[in-house]
C-alpha atoms as a PDB file:
ATOM      1  CA  UNK A   1       0.000   0.000   0.000  1.00  0.00           C
ATOM      2  CA  UNK A   2       1.449   3.380  -0.940  1.00  0.00           C
ATOM      3  CA  UNK A   3       1.460   6.505   1.214  1.00  0.00           C
ATOM      4  CA  UNK A   4      -1.439   8.134  -0.631  1.00  0.00           C
ATOM      5  CA  UNK A   5      -3.631   5.087  -0.068  1.00  0.00           C
ATOM      6  CA  UNK A   6      -2.684   4.976   3.611  1.00  0.00           C
ATOM      7  CA  UNK A   7      -3.586   8.652   3.988  1.00  0.00           C
ATOM      8  CA  UNK A   8      -6.969   8.054   2.353  1.00  0.00           C
ATOM      9  CA  UNK A   9      -7.670   5.162   4.727  1.00  0.00           C
ATOM     10  CA  UNK A  10      -6.592   7.236   7.733  1.00  0.00           C
ATOM     11  CA  UNK A  11      -8.781  10.190   6.702  1.00  0.00           C
ATOM     12  CA  UNK A  12     -11.738   7.877   6.125  1.00  0.00           C
ATOM     13  CA  UNK A  13     -11.226   6.292   9.551  1.00  0.00           C
ATOM     14  CA  UNK A  14     -11.090   9.729  11.183  1.00  0.00           C
ATOM     15  CA  UNK A  15     -14.383  10.694   9.536  1.00  0.00           C
ATOM     16  CA  UNK A  16     -16.086   7.478  10.637  1.00  0.00           C
ATOM     17  CA  UNK A  17     -14.859   7.933  14.208  1.00  0.00           C
ATOM     18  CA  UNK A  18     -15.964  11.583  14.193  1.00  0.00           C
ATOM     19  CA  UNK A  19     -19.465  10.787  12.983  1.00  0.00           C
ATOM     20  CA  UNK A  20     -19.782   7.824  15.354  1.00  0.00           C
ATOM     21  CA  UNK A  21     -18.569   9.791  18.365  1.00  0.00           C
ATOM     22  CA  UNK A  22     -20.956  12.668  17.746  1.00  0.00           C
ATOM     23  CA  UNK A  23     -23.889  10.366  16.981  1.00  0.00           C
ATOM     24  CA  UNK A  24     -23.382   8.337  20.141  1.00  0.00           C
ATOM     25  CA  UNK A  25     -22.872  11.449  22.268  1.00  0.00           C
ATOM     26  CA  UNK A  26     -26.133  12.924  21.001  1.00  0.00           C
ATOM     27  CA  UNK A  27     -27.987   9.619  21.491  1.00  0.00           C
ATOM     28  CA  UNK A  28     -26.856   9.686  25.118  1.00  0.00           C
ATOM     29  CA  UNK A  29     -27.958  13.346  25.440  1.00  0.00           C
ATOM     30  CA  UNK A  30     -24.467  14.338  26.539  1.00  0.00           C
ATOM     31  CA  UNK A  31     -22.736  17.623  25.958  1.00  0.00           C
ATOM     32  CA  UNK A  32     -19.159  17.615  24.735  1.00  0.00           C
ATOM     33  CA  UNK A  33     -18.142  18.716  28.230  1.00  0.00           C
ATOM     34  CA  UNK A  34     -20.001  15.836  29.916  1.00  0.00           C
ATOM     35  CA  UNK A  35     -18.526  13.233  27.598  1.00  0.00           C
ATOM     36  CA  UNK A  36     -15.061  14.734  28.008  1.00  0.00           C
ATOM     37  CA  UNK A  37     -15.308  14.442  31.794  1.00  0.00           C
ATOM     38  CA  UNK A  38     -16.405  10.796  31.527  1.00  0.00           C
ATOM     39  CA  UNK A  39     -13.559   9.959  29.141  1.00  0.00           C
ATOM     40  CA  UNK A  40     -10.865  11.923  30.968  1.00  0.00           C
ATOM     41  CA  UNK A  41     -10.150  14.362  28.131  1.00  0.00           C
ATOM     42  CA  UNK A  42     -10.917  18.032  27.519  1.00  0.00           C
ATOM     43  CA  UNK A  43     -13.992  19.381  25.762  1.00  0.00           C
ATOM     44  CA  UNK A  44     -11.774  20.763  23.014  1.00  0.00           C
ATOM     45  CA  UNK A  45     -10.386  17.256  22.427  1.00  0.00           C
ATOM     46  CA  UNK A  46     -13.936  15.934  21.962  1.00  0.00           C
ATOM     47  CA  UNK A  47     -14.649  18.819  19.596  1.00  0.00           C
ATOM     48  CA  UNK A  48     -11.443  18.147  17.651  1.00  0.00           C
ATOM     49  CA  UNK A  49     -12.296  14.461  17.286  1.00  0.00           C
ATOM     50  CA  UNK A  50     -15.894  15.219  16.258  1.00  0.00           C
ATOM     51  CA  UNK A  51     -14.500  17.471  13.532  1.00  0.00           C
ATOM     52  CA  UNK A  52     -12.365  14.578  12.209  1.00  0.00           C
ATOM     53  CA  UNK A  53      -9.092  16.115  13.342  1.00  0.00           C
ATOM     54  CA  UNK A  54      -6.569  14.811  15.812  1.00  0.00           C
ATOM     55  CA  UNK A  55      -5.246  11.354  16.444  1.00  0.00           C
ATOM     56  CA  UNK A  56      -6.923   9.619  19.387  1.00  0.00           C
ATOM     57  CA  UNK A  57      -4.831   7.338  21.526  1.00  0.00           C
ATOM     58  CA  UNK A  58      -5.628   3.673  21.873  1.00  0.00           C
ATOM     59  CA  UNK A  59      -6.368   4.313  25.545  1.00  0.00           C
ATOM     60  CA  UNK A  60      -8.984   6.883  24.551  1.00  0.00           C
ATOM     61  CA  UNK A  61     -10.559   4.471  22.053  1.00  0.00           C
ATOM     62  CA  UNK A  62     -10.807   1.789  24.750  1.00  0.00           C
ATOM     63  CA  UNK A  63     -12.471   4.243  27.162  1.00  0.00           C
ATOM     64  CA  UNK A  64     -14.856   5.314  24.386  1.00  0.00           C
ATOM     65  CA  UNK A  65     -15.739   1.695  23.636  1.00  0.00           C
ATOM     66  CA  UNK A  66     -16.335   0.911  27.302  1.00  0.00           C
ATOM     67  CA  UNK A  67     -18.592   3.937  27.619  1.00  0.00           C
ATOM     68  CA  UNK A  68     -20.432   3.868  24.277  1.00  0.00           C
ATOM     69  CA  UNK A  69     -19.217   0.979  22.164  1.00  0.00           C
ATOM     70  CA  UNK A  70     -21.782  -1.631  23.025  1.00  0.00           C
ATOM     71  CA  UNK A  71     -24.346   0.638  21.415  1.00  0.00           C
ATOM     72  CA  UNK A  72     -22.722   1.050  18.035  1.00  0.00           C
ATOM     73  CA  UNK A  73     -21.629  -1.599  15.579  1.00  0.00           C
ATOM     74  CA  UNK A  74     -18.641   0.417  14.243  1.00  0.00           C
ATOM     75  CA  UNK A  75     -16.983   0.487  17.652  1.00  0.00           C
ATOM     76  CA  UNK A  76     -18.003  -3.115  18.268  1.00  0.00           C
ATOM     77  CA  UNK A  77     -16.274  -4.142  15.019  1.00  0.00           C
ATOM     78  CA  UNK A  78     -13.138  -2.175  15.970  1.00  0.00           C
ATOM     79  CA  UNK A  79     -12.770  -4.061  19.245  1.00  0.00           C
ATOM     80  CA  UNK A  80     -13.975  -7.566  18.345  1.00  0.00           C
ATOM     81  CA  UNK A  81     -11.122  -9.996  17.739  1.00  0.00           C
END
């Protein structure tokens, strides 16, 4: 896989995570601030991720899955062996 293809995959993954994060947050009736407190990150980090920017850590993704993942097939797929 060349660098351009990898970048396309990464950008696509960011957009899927962004849409999933925002969708799940809204389904739970949480503000960005409330979700940030639950996940141990800042509100601006939630905002950055919801705008498909940034590079979330694996630790963050695990916390997100534990909090919201059971309710969304995309996160379930990401963490199912």
